[in-house]
Amino acid sequence: MISNKILIIILICFFTSCSSIPSLSKIEGSYSNEHEKVEMYKQANFLVASMASASRKLHDIAWPIMKANVNVCINARINAFGLMVADPNDLQSSLKPSFLSASPHVLKNDNSSSNLPMIVSVANGSPANNANIMEGDFILSIDNILVNYRNYKTLLIKAAKQGKLKIVVKRLNKDLSYSLNSELICGYPVQPMVSPIPNAYADGSKIYITIATLDFIKDDQEAAFLISHELAHNIVHYNGKGLHEIEAKPISINDTPSLQSIGDLFIFQSGAKETEADLLGIEYAIKAGISQDKVANYFRRLSLYMPQLMDESIFRMHPGNAKRVTEIERKLKILNNKYSK
């Protein structure tokens, strides 16, 4: 976990300082209320669309990492097709009317597929991608069984266990059929998490990258590092069993890290574990073909925003950013020598 506890305090102070500003609706009455309802709907659409877009970005980066490191996640290997799927019930009731916003190419005012599960993300280089399944496709049937919101997850898990999937999707006005074989990957779904704090989390089964983090990072190198860092926690520190890819929630705003077993209570963070996750994360990302030569800049920018993170502190379980960068660059030299031979 990459912590920013002090930033939380700053944000609390900020939001408290704004709390005395009178509500616009109280000033302008019913006119404001009507327009607020329209604006609420627009913002709901933006929220769902943004979560879906973030999931697609993370999915594309995570897929090669989970595939390249399958030899080290022995207890969490799964058969996967490269799909992230959602249905309206993944959203709270106020956001369900915005479900179609998760599609990158849905037709306006077309609600004919609004109750079908939607393929929100197709990972680049995955079996689904190679078969030309597209993001925004709606699932009609799986292995010749018509789907609904109650059965599609069970059907996809069954197909994954068998390693083969026959799927019929609706794309605009066409029904298209595909058959594909699975690939073996590490079963730790990566998904975005609503939070104003730049951070990443692992809970032994999933990996969460906050929306604020996606705004903070500069490139895919840094995203790959964070994913790989949390992957190291799941494998080495949690010994997590993993999940099927259908258990990811690409548009949920309520899903957060959780205890998977009572044993998780005894897994404590420490500077040594964070350093180990940093160094293993670098190696995991490089194994996936993602360079890490610029990733130290992530910690340098954190120190720009919070200079107190540069040095060690007895009040923090995480190493200082200066130490983290030093260790990362030392590891990079070792890996560069290893792979250059």
Foldseek 3Di string as FASTA:
>chain_A
DDDDVVVVVVVVVVVVVCVPDDDPCVVPPPVVVVVVVVVVLVVLLVQLCLLLVQLQLLLQLVVLLQQLCLVQLVLFKWWAQQWEKDALVLEDPVSSVNNLSLAPDDDPPDCVQNQFIFGSYGHPPGQCVVQVPDGGWGWQDKPPHGDGPVCPVVSVRVCRVVQKIWTWTDDPHDIDITITGTGMGGAAAEGEEEDCDQDWAAQLAYIYGYPNVVVQDDDSLQSLLRVQLNVCCNCPQVSHNYDHSHPDSSRHHPDDHDHPDPCSVVRDAAQVSSLVSNLRSCVSSVSSVRHNPCNLVSLVVVCVVPVVQQQDDPVDRHHRSVVSSVSNVVSVVVVCVVVVD
